[in-house]
PDB file of all heavy atoms in Angstrom:
ATOM      1  N   ALA A   1     117.805 112.410 104.242  1.00  0.00           N
ATOM      2  CA  ALA A   1     118.744 112.287 103.122  1.00  0.00           C
ATOM      3  C   ALA A   1     119.688 113.482 103.052  1.00  0.00           C
ATOM      4  O   ALA A   1     120.895 113.340 102.817  1.00  0.00           O
ATOM      5  CB  ALA A   1     117.975 112.142 101.813  1.00  0.00           C
ATOM      6  N   LEU A   2     119.162 114.676 103.270  1.00  0.00           N
ATOM      7  CA  LEU A   2     119.993 115.882 103.234  1.00  0.00           C
ATOM      8  C   LEU A   2     120.908 115.954 104.457  1.00  0.00           C
ATOM      9  O   LEU A   2     122.012 116.512 104.394  1.00  0.00           O
ATOM     10  CB  LEU A   2     119.114 117.126 103.160  1.00  0.00           C
ATOM     11  CG  LEU A   2     118.352 117.329 101.845  1.00  0.00           C
ATOM     12  CD1 LEU A   2     117.376 118.491 101.977  1.00  0.00           C
ATOM     13  CD2 LEU A   2     119.311 117.571 100.691  1.00  0.00           C
ATOM     14  N   TRP A   3     120.447 115.380 105.566  1.00  0.00           N
ATOM     15  CA  TRP A   3     121.201 115.451 106.815  1.00  0.00           C
ATOM     16  C   TRP A   3     122.403 114.510 106.818  1.00  0.00           C
ATOM     17  O   TRP A   3     123.523 114.905 107.110  1.00  0.00           O
ATOM     18  CB  TRP A   3     120.270 115.142 107.987  1.00  0.00           C
ATOM     19  CG  TRP A   3     120.952 115.138 109.324  1.00  0.00           C
ATOM     20  CD1 TRP A   3     121.902 116.011 109.780  1.00  0.00           C
ATOM     21  CD2 TRP A   3     120.725 114.205 110.389  1.00  0.00           C
ATOM     22  NE1 TRP A   3     122.277 115.693 111.056  1.00  0.00           N
ATOM     23  CE2 TRP A   3     121.562 114.577 111.465  1.00  0.00           C
ATOM     24  CE3 TRP A   3     119.880 113.116 110.545  1.00  0.00           C
ATOM     25  CZ2 TRP A   3     121.593 113.880 112.657  1.00  0.00           C
ATOM     26  CZ3 TRP A   3     119.903 112.428 111.741  1.00  0.00           C
ATOM     27  CH2 TRP A   3     120.764 112.806 112.780  1.00  0.00           C
ATOM     28  N   ASN A   4     122.152 113.228 106.458  1.00  0.00           N
ATOM     29  CA  ASN A   4     123.265 112.274 106.535  1.00  0.00           C
ATOM     30  C   ASN A   4     123.471 111.452 105.258  1.00  0.00           C
ATOM     31  O   ASN A   4     124.282 110.526 105.232  1.00  0.00           O
ATOM     32  CB  ASN A   4     123.077 111.328 107.719  1.00  0.00           C
ATOM     33  CG  ASN A   4     121.788 110.524 107.615  1.00  0.00           C
ATOM     34  OD1 ASN A   4     121.188 110.412 106.557  1.00  0.00           O
ATOM     35  ND2 ASN A   4     121.366 109.946 108.734  1.00  0.00           N
ATOM     36  N   GLY A   5     122.717 111.777 104.210  1.00  0.00           N
ATOM     37  CA  GLY A   5     122.910 111.097 102.934  1.00  0.00           C
ATOM     38  C   GLY A   5     122.227 109.757 102.819  1.00  0.00           C
ATOM     39  O   GLY A   5     122.319 109.088 101.784  1.00  0.00           O
ATOM     40  N   ASN A   6     121.515 109.336 103.862  1.00  0.00           N
ATOM     41  CA  ASN A   6     120.831 108.039 103.833  1.00  0.00           C
ATOM     42  C   ASN A   6     119.411 108.185 103.285  1.00  0.00           C
ATOM     43  O   ASN A   6     118.710 109.144 103.603  1.00  0.00           O
ATOM     44  CB  ASN A   6     120.761 107.427 105.233  1.00  0.00           C
ATOM     45  CG  ASN A   6     122.131 107.024 105.748  1.00  0.00           C
ATOM     46  OD1 ASN A   6     123.000 106.634 104.969  1.00  0.00           O
ATOM     47  ND2 ASN A   6     122.342 107.143 107.051  1.00  0.00           N
ATOM     48  N   ASN A   7     119.027 107.222 102.486  1.00  0.00           N
ATOM     49  CA  ASN A   7     117.669 107.201 101.947  1.00  0.00           C
ATOM     50  C   ASN A   7     116.878 106.121 102.681  1.00  0.00           C
ATOM     51  O   ASN A   7     117.121 104.930 102.496  1.00  0.00           O
ATOM     52  CB  ASN A   7     117.708 106.898 100.442  1.00  0.00           C
ATOM     53  CG  ASN A   7     116.336 107.060  99.786  1.00  0.00           C
ATOM     54  OD1 ASN A   7     115.331 107.230 100.462  1.00  0.00           O
ATOM     55  ND2 ASN A   7     116.307 107.009  98.466  1.00  0.00           N
ATOM     56  N   ILE A   8     115.964 106.540 103.557  1.00  0.00           N
ATOM     57  CA  ILE A   8     115.189 105.576 104.350  1.00  0.00           C
ATOM     58  C   ILE A   8     114.073 104.995 103.481  1.00  0.00           C
ATOM     59  O   ILE A   8     112.910 105.361 103.594  1.00  0.00           O
ATOM     60  CB  ILE A   8     114.633 106.210 105.646  1.00  0.00           C
ATOM     61  CG1 ILE A   8     113.983 107.579 105.379  1.00  0.00           C
ATOM     62  CG2 ILE A   8     115.732 106.343 106.673  1.00  0.00           C
ATOM     63  CD1 ILE A   8     113.389 108.206 106.619  1.00  0.00           C
ATOM     64  N   LYS A   9     114.481 104.075 102.605  1.00  0.00           N
ATOM     65  CA  LYS A   9     113.587 103.549 101.584  1.00  0.00           C
ATOM     66  C   LYS A   9     112.415 102.778 102.167  1.00  0.00           C
ATOM     67  O   LYS A   9     111.383 102.648 101.512  1.00  0.00           O
ATOM     68  CB  LYS A   9     114.381 102.657 100.624  1.00  0.00           C
ATOM     69  CG  LYS A   9     115.442 103.425  99.830  1.00  0.00           C
ATOM     70  CD  LYS A   9     116.211 102.492  98.907  1.00  0.00           C
ATOM     71  CE  LYS A   9     117.269 103.263  98.127  1.00  0.00           C
ATOM     72  NZ  LYS A   9     118.051 102.362  97.237  1.00  0.00           N
ATOM     73  N   TYR A  10     112.561 102.243 103.388  1.00  0.00           N
ATOM     74  CA  TYR A  10     111.474 101.449 103.962  1.00  0.00           C
ATOM     75  C   TYR A  10     110.187 102.261 104.052  1.00  0.00           C
ATOM     76  O   TYR A  10     109.102 101.730 103.907  1.00  0.00           O
ATOM     77  CB  TYR A  10     111.863 100.938 105.340  1.00  0.00           C
ATOM     78  CG  TYR A  10     110.800 100.052 105.965  1.00  0.00           C
ATOM     79  CD1 TYR A  10     110.721  98.700 105.649  1.00  0.00           C
ATOM     80  CD2 TYR A  10     109.865 100.573 106.852  1.00  0.00           C
ATOM     81  CE1 TYR A  10     109.748  97.889 106.199  1.00  0.00           C
ATOM     82  CE2 TYR A  10     108.881  99.764 107.409  1.00  0.00           C
ATOM     83  CZ  TYR A  10     108.832  98.425 107.074  1.00  0.00           C
ATOM     84  OH  TYR A  10     107.860  97.634 107.609  1.00  0.00           O
ATOM     85  N   PHE A  11     110.321 103.576 104.267  1.00  0.00           N
ATOM     86  CA  PHE A  11     109.136 104.420 104.404  1.00  0.00           C
ATOM     87  C   PHE A  11     108.424 104.626 103.081  1.00  0.00           C
ATOM     88  O   PHE A  11     107.322 105.154 103.044  1.00  0.00           O
ATOM     89  CB  PHE A  11     109.527 105.767 105.019  1.00  0.00           C
ATOM     90  CG  PHE A  11     109.600 105.735 106.519  1.00  0.00           C
ATOM     91  CD1 PHE A  11     110.733 105.279 107.150  1.00  0.00           C
ATOM     92  CD2 PHE A  11     108.525 106.130 107.284  1.00  0.00           C
ATOM     93  CE1 PHE A  11     110.811 105.229 108.537  1.00  0.00           C
ATOM     94  CE2 PHE A  11     108.577 106.086 108.673  1.00  0.00           C
ATOM     95  CZ  PHE A  11     109.725 105.634 109.298  1.00  0.00           C
ATOM     96  N   ASN A  12     109.047 104.230 101.977  1.00  0.00           N
ATOM     97  CA  ASN A  12     108.393 104.283 100.675  1.00  0.00           C
ATOM     98  C   ASN A  12     108.320 102.900 100.033  1.00  0.00           C
ATOM     99  O   ASN A  12     108.262 102.778  98.812  1.00  0.00           O
ATOM    100  CB  ASN A  12     109.115 105.256  99.735  1.00  0.00           C
ATOM    101  CG  ASN A  12     108.509 106.658  99.814  1.00  0.00           C
ATOM    102  OD1 ASN A  12     107.529 106.869 100.529  1.00  0.00           O
ATOM    103  ND2 ASN A  12     109.072 107.591  99.098  1.00  0.00           N
ATOM    104  N   SER A  13     108.309 101.874 100.876  1.00  0.00           N
ATOM    105  CA  SER A  13     108.162 100.506 100.379  1.00  0.00           C
ATOM    106  C   SER A  13     106.679 100.136 100.368  1.00  0.00           C
ATOM    107  O   SER A  13     105.959 100.395 101.338  1.00  0.00           O
ATOM    108  CB  SER A  13     108.929  99.535 101.276  1.00  0.00           C
ATOM    109  OG  SER A  13     108.571  98.204 100.986  1.00  0.00           O
ATOM    110  N   TYR A  14     106.226  99.542  99.262  1.00  0.00           N
ATOM    111  CA  TYR A  14     104.818  99.171  99.153  1.00  0.00           C
ATOM    112  C   TYR A  14     104.369  98.255 100.281  1.00  0.00           C
ATOM    113  O   TYR A  14     103.196  98.268 100.663  1.00  0.00           O
ATOM    114  CB  TYR A  14     104.559  98.462  97.819  1.00  0.00           C
ATOM    115  CG  TYR A  14     104.688  99.352  96.602  1.00  0.00           C
ATOM    116  CD1 TYR A  14     105.419  98.944  95.495  1.00  0.00           C
ATOM    117  CD2 TYR A  14     104.068 100.591  96.552  1.00  0.00           C
ATOM    118  CE1 TYR A  14     105.536  99.747  94.368  1.00  0.00           C
ATOM    119  CE2 TYR A  14     104.174 101.411  95.441  1.00  0.00           C
ATOM    120  CZ  TYR A  14     104.916 100.982  94.346  1.00  0.00           C
ATOM    121  OH  TYR A  14     105.021 101.782  93.247  1.00  0.00           O
ATOM    122  N   THR A  15     105.282  97.446 100.802  1.00  0.00           N
ATOM    123  CA  THR A  15     104.910  96.496 101.848  1.00  0.00           C
ATOM    124  C   THR A  15     105.355  96.938 103.242  1.00  0.00           C
ATOM    125  O   THR A  15     105.169  96.209 104.209  1.00  0.00           O
ATOM    126  CB  THR A  15     105.528  95.109 101.551  1.00  0.00           C
ATOM    127  OG1 THR A  15     106.954  95.243 101.432  1.00  0.00           O
ATOM    128  CG2 THR A  15     104.968  94.540 100.263  1.00  0.00           C
ATOM    129  N   GLY A  16     105.953  98.123 103.352  1.00  0.00           N
ATOM    130  CA  GLY A  16     106.325  98.653 104.651  1.00  0.00           C
ATOM    131  C   GLY A  16     105.091  99.176 105.373  1.00  0.00           C
ATOM    132  O   GLY A  16     104.170  99.702 104.751  1.00  0.00           O
ATOM    133  N   PHE A  17     105.053  99.034 106.686  1.00  0.00           N
ATOM    134  CA  PHE A  17     103.813  99.405 107.386  1.00  0.00           C
ATOM    135  C   PHE A  17     103.448 100.885 107.267  1.00  0.00           C
ATOM    136  O   PHE A  17     102.263 101.232 107.299  1.00  0.00           O
ATOM    137  CB  PHE A  17     103.854  98.954 108.855  1.00  0.00           C
ATOM    138  CG  PHE A  17     104.698  99.777 109.775  1.00  0.00           C
ATOM    139  CD1 PHE A  17     104.193 100.904 110.386  1.00  0.00           C
ATOM    140  CD2 PHE A  17     106.009  99.405 110.054  1.00  0.00           C
ATOM    141  CE1 PHE A  17     104.965 101.658 111.253  1.00  0.00           C
ATOM    142  CE2 PHE A  17     106.785 100.156 110.918  1.00  0.00           C
ATOM    143  CZ  PHE A  17     106.270 101.291 111.508  1.00  0.00           C
ATOM    144  N   PRO A  18     104.404 101.845 107.085  1.00  0.00           N
ATOM    145  CA  PRO A  18     103.978 103.238 106.877  1.00  0.00           C
ATOM    146  C   PRO A  18     103.136 103.405 105.618  1.00  0.00           C
ATOM    147  O   PRO A  18     102.091 104.051 105.645  1.00  0.00           O
ATOM    148  CB  PRO A  18     105.311 103.991 106.769  1.00  0.00           C
ATOM    149  CG  PRO A  18     106.286 103.147 107.522  1.00  0.00           C
ATOM    150  CD  PRO A  18     105.884 101.750 107.210  1.00  0.00           C
ATOM    151  N   VAL A  19     103.579 102.794 104.504  1.00  0.00           N
ATOM    152  CA  VAL A  19     102.841 102.900 103.241  1.00  0.00           C
ATOM    153  C   VAL A  19     101.540 102.115 103.308  1.00  0.00           C
ATOM    154  O   VAL A  19     100.499 102.562 102.804  1.00  0.00           O
ATOM    155  CB  VAL A  19     103.702 102.408 102.061  1.00  0.00           C
ATOM    156  CG1 VAL A  19     102.876 102.362 100.772  1.00  0.00           C
ATOM    157  CG2 VAL A  19     104.903 103.313 101.869  1.00  0.00           C
ATOM    158  N   VAL A  20     101.578 100.944 103.943  1.00  0.00           N
ATOM    159  CA  VAL A  20     100.370 100.133 104.068  1.00  0.00           C
ATOM    160  C   VAL A  20      99.291 100.883 104.843  1.00  0.00           C
ATOM    161  O   VAL A  20      98.131 100.949 104.424  1.00  0.00           O
ATOM    162  CB  VAL A  20     100.690  98.788 104.757  1.00  0.00           C
ATOM    163  CG1 VAL A  20      99.399  98.049 105.124  1.00  0.00           C
ATOM    164  CG2 VAL A  20     101.550  97.923 103.842  1.00  0.00           C
ATOM    165  N   LEU A  21      99.669 101.479 105.966  1.00  0.00           N
ATOM    166  CA  LEU A  21      98.697 102.255 106.748  1.00  0.00           C
ATOM    167  C   LEU A  21      98.167 103.449 105.959  1.00  0.00           C
ATOM    168  O   LEU A  21      96.975 103.754 105.973  1.00  0.00           O
ATOM    169  CB  LEU A  21      99.344 102.741 108.049  1.00  0.00           C
ATOM    170  CG  LEU A  21      99.082 101.924 109.313  1.00  0.00           C
ATOM    171  CD1 LEU A  21      99.791 102.546 110.501  1.00  0.00           C
ATOM    172  CD2 LEU A  21      97.589 101.811 109.596  1.00  0.00           C
ATOM    173  N   PHE A  22      99.068 104.140 105.273  1.00  0.00           N
ATOM    174  CA  PHE A  22      98.695 105.297 104.463  1.00  0.00           C
ATOM    175  C   PHE A  22      97.706 104.882 103.378  1.00  0.00           C
ATOM    176  O   PHE A  22      96.685 105.550 103.140  1.00  0.00           O
ATOM    177  CB  PHE A  22      99.955 105.908 103.841  1.00  0.00           C
ATOM    178  CG  PHE A  22      99.738 107.228 103.161  1.00  0.00           C
ATOM    179  CD1 PHE A  22      98.668 108.055 103.489  1.00  0.00           C
ATOM    180  CD2 PHE A  22     100.626 107.655 102.179  1.00  0.00           C
ATOM    181  CE1 PHE A  22      98.491 109.288 102.855  1.00  0.00           C
ATOM    182  CE2 PHE A  22     100.454 108.877 101.535  1.00  0.00           C
ATOM    183  CZ  PHE A  22      99.385 109.691 101.876  1.00  0.00           C
ATOM    184  N   SER A  23      97.972 103.758 102.737  1.00  0.00           N
ATOM    185  CA  SER A  23      97.107 103.255 101.664  1.00  0.00           C
ATOM    186  C   SER A  23      95.729 102.864 102.199  1.00  0.00           C
ATOM    187  O   SER A  23      94.699 103.148 101.583  1.00  0.00           O
ATOM    188  CB  SER A  23      97.768 102.061 100.975  1.00  0.00           C
ATOM    189  OG  SER A  23      99.062 102.383 100.520  1.00  0.00           O
ATOM    190  N   MET A  24      95.722 102.198 103.340  1.00  0.00           N
ATOM    191  CA  MET A  24      94.449 101.828 103.962  1.00  0.00           C
ATOM    192  C   MET A  24      93.639 103.075 104.302  1.00  0.00           C
ATOM    193  O   MET A  24      92.410 103.101 104.129  1.00  0.00           O
ATOM    194  CB  MET A  24      94.708 101.018 105.229  1.00  0.00           C
ATOM    195  CG  MET A  24      95.254  99.626 104.996  1.00  0.00           C
ATOM    196  SD  MET A  24      95.631  98.781 106.575  1.00  0.00           S
ATOM    197  CE  MET A  24      96.009  97.127 105.985  1.00  0.00           C
ATOM    198  N   ALA A  25      94.325 104.111 104.763  1.00  0.00           N
ATOM    199  CA  ALA A  25      93.653 105.359 105.118  1.00  0.00           C
ATOM    200  C   ALA A  25      93.021 106.006 103.893  1.00  0.00           C
ATOM    201  O   ALA A  25      91.897 106.531 103.963  1.00  0.00           O
ATOM    202  CB  ALA A  25      94.645 106.315 105.768  1.00  0.00           C
ATOM    203  N   ILE A  26      93.726 105.975 102.763  1.00  0.00           N
ATOM    204  CA  ILE A  26      93.188 106.537 101.523  1.00  0.00           C
ATOM    205  C   ILE A  26      91.926 105.793 101.115  1.00  0.00           C
ATOM    206  O   ILE A  26      90.892 106.401 100.784  1.00  0.00           O
ATOM    207  CB  ILE A  26      94.233 106.470 100.389  1.00  0.00           C
ATOM    208  CG1 ILE A  26      95.437 107.371 100.695  1.00  0.00           C
ATOM    209  CG2 ILE A  26      93.606 106.846  99.045  1.00  0.00           C
ATOM    210  CD1 ILE A  26      95.134 108.851 100.703  1.00  0.00           C
TER     211      ILE A  26
END
């Protein structure tokens, strides 16, 4: 976001695989 102003929201989406994997790990 600081580099190019884009917010990569997929990485904080409840159904995106990064969050899903993180949640499963917890």
